[in-house]
Amino acid sequence: MPKRHVLKYHTGSLTSGERKLLNKVRSHERYSPEQCVQIWYEVRTGEREKFPRGFPQKEEHRIAINRALVGQYRKEHPGGYPGGRYFRKNKLNGLLCRHYGGSPYAAFIEAGFADPTTAVYDSRLAEVPWTVIEKMPNRFWRKSRSNKKAAVRWTAETTGKPVTELKAKDFLNKGTASVLGFYDSIVAALQDADIKVDPFDMERVPRYTWQQPKNVRRAADDVSEQTGRPRGELRGTDFEENGYVRIATLYDKGELRKVLGTV
């Protein structure tokens, strides 16, 4: 059997032009998933100083590494997904930052974990990713209103509370707190998610509610009914004593009379 010829590169004797050409040739090399994992192992353990030239630029290489990373993580955390710190610990911070903007979620999406046609499909990542991802990227909420609405609805449905009792802490416990940053209040978030809720029914009425005269007049009608006094005779203390402290602090007597239309 003829001896197999192995091409060897003797880079020491190459000119700068030849070396550039060689690097270009090497940058187009493609590796199998098994080879990708082996190369990553060598980088991780220090056997290799860095990944081969052009290695991270190829999608199939990144996919193989990301799937291997998740598999390794799940040996200790069954069903989980690693966060950015785990990428850094395993010498993949450069990959994470350059190709995914620092977002592990983006890496898992490219690796096919939310694609039902792949063997690694996970319906949780496709439908409720905030339940398995340490921190959702801001662009996930910012660029898609449907994502925000889905998260708000899911939170409202899974807390077991009436929507009028929802608080920021409930969103924090469910991993959806960051979505509230895109709304003025929980009421605004619920209303955007097509959940009917009256601000007056909330345990804590949103501050902006009292910046609208119609809401102040509505509160005044309630206070008037409870005190038996007409609007024109209501005072700040009447609002305080009947649960509308915010109105009493926002408006002085003259401003309140103007809002109520009693001057």
Protein backbone atom coordinates (compact mmCIF):
# COMPACT_ATOMS: atom_id res chain seq x y z
CA MET A 1 0.00 0.00 0.00
CA PRO A 2 1.53 3.34 -1.05
CA LYS A 3 2.53 5.66 1.74
CA ARG A 4 0.09 8.52 2.24
CA HIS A 5 1.60 11.88 1.41
CA VAL A 6 1.05 14.55 4.03
CA LEU A 7 1.50 18.15 2.98
CA LYS A 8 3.51 20.13 5.51
CA TYR A 9 3.91 23.86 5.67
CA HIS A 10 7.37 25.14 6.55
CA THR A 11 6.41 28.67 7.40
CA GLY A 12 9.92 29.69 8.42
CA SER A 13 11.14 29.69 4.83
CA LEU A 14 8.14 31.55 3.38
CA THR A 15 8.17 35.11 2.14
CA SER A 16 5.63 37.54 3.63
CA GLY A 17 3.50 37.23 0.50
CA GLU A 18 3.55 33.44 0.67
CA ARG A 19 2.72 33.53 4.36
CA LYS A 20 -0.32 35.75 3.69
CA LEU A 21 -1.45 33.32 1.00
CA LEU A 22 -1.00 30.40 3.37
CA ASN A 23 -3.06 32.14 6.07
CA LYS A 24 -5.76 32.81 3.52
CA VAL A 25 -5.82 29.12 2.55
CA ARG A 26 -5.97 28.07 6.19
CA SER A 27 -8.78 30.54 6.93
CA HIS A 28 -10.99 28.64 4.48
CA GLU A 29 -10.52 25.31 6.22
CA ARG A 30 -13.71 23.68 7.45
CA TYR A 31 -13.92 21.32 10.40
CA SER A 32 -16.40 18.66 11.43
CA PRO A 33 -18.40 19.20 14.66
CA GLU A 34 -16.12 16.73 16.42
CA GLN A 35 -13.02 18.59 15.26
CA CYS A 36 -14.55 21.90 16.38
CA VAL A 37 -15.13 20.55 19.87
CA GLN A 38 -11.59 19.19 20.00
CA ILE A 39 -10.13 22.54 18.93
CA TRP A 40 -12.24 24.30 21.58
CA TYR A 41 -10.99 21.80 24.18
CA GLU A 42 -7.39 22.57 23.23
CA VAL A 43 -8.00 26.33 23.51
CA ARG A 44 -9.75 25.86 26.84
CA THR A 45 -6.93 23.78 28.32
CA GLY A 46 -4.12 25.94 26.95
CA GLU A 47 -2.84 23.42 24.39
CA ARG A 48 -3.71 25.99 21.73
CA GLU A 49 -3.11 29.68 22.13
CA LYS A 50 -6.19 30.58 20.08
CA PHE A 51 -8.68 29.30 17.53
CA PRO A 52 -7.40 28.73 13.96
CA ARG A 53 -7.48 31.70 11.62
CA GLY A 54 -11.01 32.25 10.28
CA PHE A 55 -12.48 29.54 12.53
CA PRO A 56 -15.18 31.63 14.28
CA GLN A 57 -16.31 33.25 11.02
CA LYS A 58 -17.95 30.04 9.85
CA GLU A 59 -21.47 29.49 11.11
CA GLU A 60 -21.17 25.70 11.32
CA HIS A 61 -18.12 26.06 13.57
CA ARG A 62 -19.94 28.43 15.93
CA ILE A 63 -22.99 26.17 16.02
CA ALA A 64 -20.88 23.15 16.96
CA ILE A 65 -19.14 25.04 19.76
CA ASN A 66 -22.36 26.53 21.16
CA ARG A 67 -24.11 23.18 21.21
CA ALA A 68 -21.12 21.60 22.91
CA LEU A 69 -21.05 24.41 25.49
CA VAL A 70 -24.73 23.89 26.34
CA GLY A 71 -24.19 20.13 26.56
CA GLN A 72 -21.30 20.62 28.96
CA TYR A 73 -23.28 23.07 31.08
CA ARG A 74 -26.23 20.70 31.34
CA LYS A 75 -24.12 18.01 32.95
CA GLU A 76 -24.31 20.12 36.09
CA HIS A 77 -27.49 22.07 35.33
CA PRO A 78 -29.96 19.75 33.55
CA GLY A 79 -32.10 21.58 31.01
CA GLY A 80 -30.40 24.92 31.63
CA TYR A 81 -28.61 27.46 29.47
CA PRO A 82 -25.33 29.13 30.47
CA GLY A 83 -24.94 32.87 30.94
CA GLY A 84 -22.19 35.18 29.77
CA ARG A 85 -19.96 34.32 32.71
CA TYR A 86 -19.87 30.67 31.63
CA PHE A 87 -18.80 31.69 28.11
CA ARG A 88 -15.93 33.70 29.59
CA LYS A 89 -14.92 30.87 31.89
CA ASN A 90 -14.62 28.56 28.88
CA LYS A 91 -12.56 30.93 26.70
CA LEU A 92 -15.50 31.92 24.48
CA ASN A 93 -15.92 35.56 25.46
CA GLY A 94 -14.44 36.74 22.16
CA LEU A 95 -16.87 34.58 20.23
CA LEU A 96 -19.79 35.85 22.32
CA CYS A 97 -18.93 39.53 21.93
CA ARG A 98 -17.86 39.61 18.28
CA HIS A 99 -20.60 37.47 16.81
CA TYR A 100 -23.54 37.81 19.22
CA GLY A 101 -23.17 41.27 20.71
CA GLY A 102 -22.52 39.73 24.12
CA SER A 103 -25.88 37.90 24.11
CA PRO A 104 -25.93 34.17 24.97
CA TYR A 105 -29.55 34.12 23.77
CA ALA A 106 -28.42 35.10 20.26
CA ALA A 107 -25.85 32.30 20.33
CA PHE A 108 -28.46 29.71 21.26
CA ILE A 109 -30.81 30.94 18.55
CA GLU A 110 -28.12 30.52 15.89
CA ALA A 111 -27.33 27.06 17.30
CA GLY A 112 -30.90 26.00 16.53
CA PHE A 113 -32.32 25.59 20.03
CA ALA A 114 -35.46 27.50 18.97
CA ASP A 115 -35.72 25.83 15.55
CA PRO A 116 -38.22 22.93 15.49
CA THR A 117 -36.38 21.36 12.53
CA THR A 118 -33.23 20.70 14.58
CA ALA A 119 -32.42 17.86 16.97
CA VAL A 120 -31.73 20.32 19.80
CA TYR A 121 -35.08 22.15 19.60
CA ASP A 122 -36.38 23.43 22.92
CA SER A 123 -39.93 24.82 22.93
CA ARG A 124 -39.14 26.87 26.04
CA LEU A 125 -36.50 28.88 24.20
CA ALA A 126 -38.88 29.36 21.27
CA GLU A 127 -41.95 30.35 23.26
CA VAL A 128 -40.95 31.58 26.73
CA PRO A 129 -37.18 32.20 26.55
CA TRP A 130 -37.17 34.45 29.63
CA THR A 131 -37.86 31.35 31.74
CA VAL A 132 -34.54 29.72 30.80
CA ILE A 133 -32.24 32.62 29.85
CA GLU A 134 -30.34 34.41 32.61
CA LYS A 135 -30.82 37.83 31.01
CA MET A 136 -32.76 38.60 27.85
CA PRO A 137 -31.06 41.14 25.55
CA ASN A 138 -32.75 44.57 25.44
CA ARG A 139 -33.22 44.32 21.69
CA PHE A 140 -35.43 41.27 22.25
CA TRP A 141 -37.95 43.61 23.88
CA ARG A 142 -37.12 46.81 22.03
CA LYS A 143 -37.47 45.48 18.49
CA SER A 144 -40.62 43.44 18.96
CA ARG A 145 -43.85 44.60 20.52
CA SER A 146 -45.18 41.04 20.27
CA ASN A 147 -42.35 39.82 22.51
CA LYS A 148 -43.23 42.42 25.15
CA LYS A 149 -46.93 41.59 24.96
CA ALA A 150 -46.28 37.85 25.21
CA ALA A 151 -44.08 38.29 28.29
CA VAL A 152 -46.59 40.54 30.05
CA ARG A 153 -49.49 38.18 29.32
CA TRP A 154 -47.48 35.17 30.45
CA THR A 155 -46.50 36.91 33.69
CA ALA A 156 -50.09 37.95 34.40
CA GLU A 157 -51.33 34.41 33.78
CA THR A 158 -48.71 32.54 35.81
CA THR A 159 -48.53 34.58 39.02
CA GLY A 160 -51.89 33.33 40.23
CA LYS A 161 -52.84 36.86 41.25
CA PRO A 162 -55.59 39.16 40.01
CA VAL A 163 -54.03 41.63 37.57
CA THR A 164 -54.99 44.49 39.90
CA GLU A 165 -52.55 43.10 42.48
CA LEU A 166 -49.54 42.73 40.19
CA LYS A 167 -46.36 44.49 41.28
CA ALA A 168 -42.87 44.96 39.84
CA LYS A 169 -41.65 42.23 42.18
CA ASP A 170 -43.90 39.70 40.42
CA PHE A 171 -42.24 40.49 37.10
CA LEU A 172 -38.82 40.21 38.75
CA ASN A 173 -39.66 36.77 40.15
CA LYS A 174 -40.81 35.61 36.71
CA GLY A 175 -37.73 36.88 34.87
CA THR A 176 -39.63 39.56 32.94
CA ALA A 177 -38.73 42.65 34.99
CA SER A 178 -36.71 44.19 32.14
CA VAL A 179 -39.84 44.45 29.98
CA LEU A 180 -41.32 46.99 32.43
CA GLY A 181 -38.58 49.42 31.45
CA PHE A 182 -40.44 50.00 28.19
CA TYR A 183 -43.64 51.15 29.91
CA ASP A 184 -44.66 53.99 32.20
CA SER A 185 -46.34 51.59 34.61
CA ILE A 186 -47.62 48.07 35.09
CA VAL A 187 -51.05 49.31 34.01
CA ALA A 188 -49.61 50.55 30.71
CA ALA A 189 -47.90 47.18 30.19
CA LEU A 190 -51.12 45.27 30.87
CA GLN A 191 -53.15 47.50 28.60
CA ASP A 192 -50.60 47.14 25.79
CA ALA A 193 -50.88 43.36 26.18
CA ASP A 194 -54.65 43.68 25.59
CA ILE A 195 -55.48 42.94 29.23
CA LYS A 196 -58.37 45.08 30.41
CA VAL A 197 -57.58 46.83 33.65
CA ASP A 198 -58.82 50.02 35.27
CA PRO A 199 -56.02 52.07 36.91
CA PHE A 200 -58.44 52.91 39.75
CA ASP A 201 -58.68 49.21 40.62
CA MET A 202 -54.94 48.77 41.12
CA GLU A 203 -53.54 48.49 44.64
CA ARG A 204 -51.30 51.39 43.69
CA VAL A 205 -52.63 53.76 41.08
CA PRO A 206 -49.89 54.83 38.60
CA ARG A 207 -48.55 58.31 39.22
CA TYR A 208 -49.24 59.53 35.69
CA THR A 209 -52.95 58.81 36.19
CA TRP A 210 -53.36 62.01 38.20
CA GLN A 211 -51.75 64.13 35.51
CA GLN A 212 -54.91 63.68 33.48
CA PRO A 213 -57.73 66.02 34.64
CA LYS A 214 -60.46 63.53 33.73
CA ASN A 215 -59.02 61.05 36.25
CA VAL A 216 -58.79 63.71 38.96
CA ARG A 217 -62.44 64.62 38.36
CA ARG A 218 -63.38 60.97 38.53
CA ALA A 219 -61.61 60.66 41.87
CA ALA A 220 -63.31 63.85 43.05
CA ASP A 221 -66.70 62.36 42.27
CA ASP A 222 -65.80 59.37 44.41
CA VAL A 223 -64.60 61.57 47.29
CA SER A 224 -67.67 63.76 46.94
CA GLU A 225 -69.90 60.71 47.25
CA GLN A 226 -68.01 59.49 50.33
CA THR A 227 -67.93 62.86 52.09
CA GLY A 228 -71.26 64.23 50.95
CA ARG A 229 -69.61 67.46 49.80
CA PRO A 230 -69.89 68.92 46.30
CA ARG A 231 -66.75 69.25 44.17
CA GLY A 232 -66.37 72.96 44.87
CA GLU A 233 -66.04 72.38 48.60
CA LEU A 234 -63.51 69.53 48.49
CA ARG A 235 -60.13 70.10 50.13
CA GLY A 236 -56.79 68.31 49.87
CA THR A 237 -57.40 66.60 53.20
CA ASP A 238 -60.61 65.11 51.83
CA PHE A 239 -58.60 63.37 49.12
CA GLU A 240 -55.94 62.22 51.60
CA GLU A 241 -58.46 60.74 54.00
CA ASN A 242 -60.20 58.83 51.21
CA GLY A 243 -57.19 57.15 49.63
CA TYR A 244 -56.11 59.77 47.07
CA VAL A 245 -52.95 61.06 48.74
CA ARG A 246 -51.16 61.58 45.42
CA ILE A 247 -53.76 64.10 44.26
CA ALA A 248 -53.37 66.11 47.43
CA THR A 249 -49.58 66.32 46.93
CA LEU A 250 -49.70 67.13 43.22
CA TYR A 251 -52.18 70.02 43.36
CA ASP A 252 -52.54 72.96 45.65
CA LYS A 253 -56.01 74.33 46.41
CA GLY A 254 -56.11 76.75 43.48
CA GLU A 255 -54.85 74.21 40.91
CA LEU A 256 -57.24 71.58 42.19
CA ARG A 257 -60.23 73.89 41.78
CA LYS A 258 -59.16 74.64 38.19
CA VAL A 259 -58.82 70.93 37.36
CA LEU A 260 -62.18 70.20 38.90
CA GLY A 261 -63.79 73.05 37.00
CA THR A 262 -65.07 74.73 40.12
CA VAL A 263 -63.64 78.19 39.40
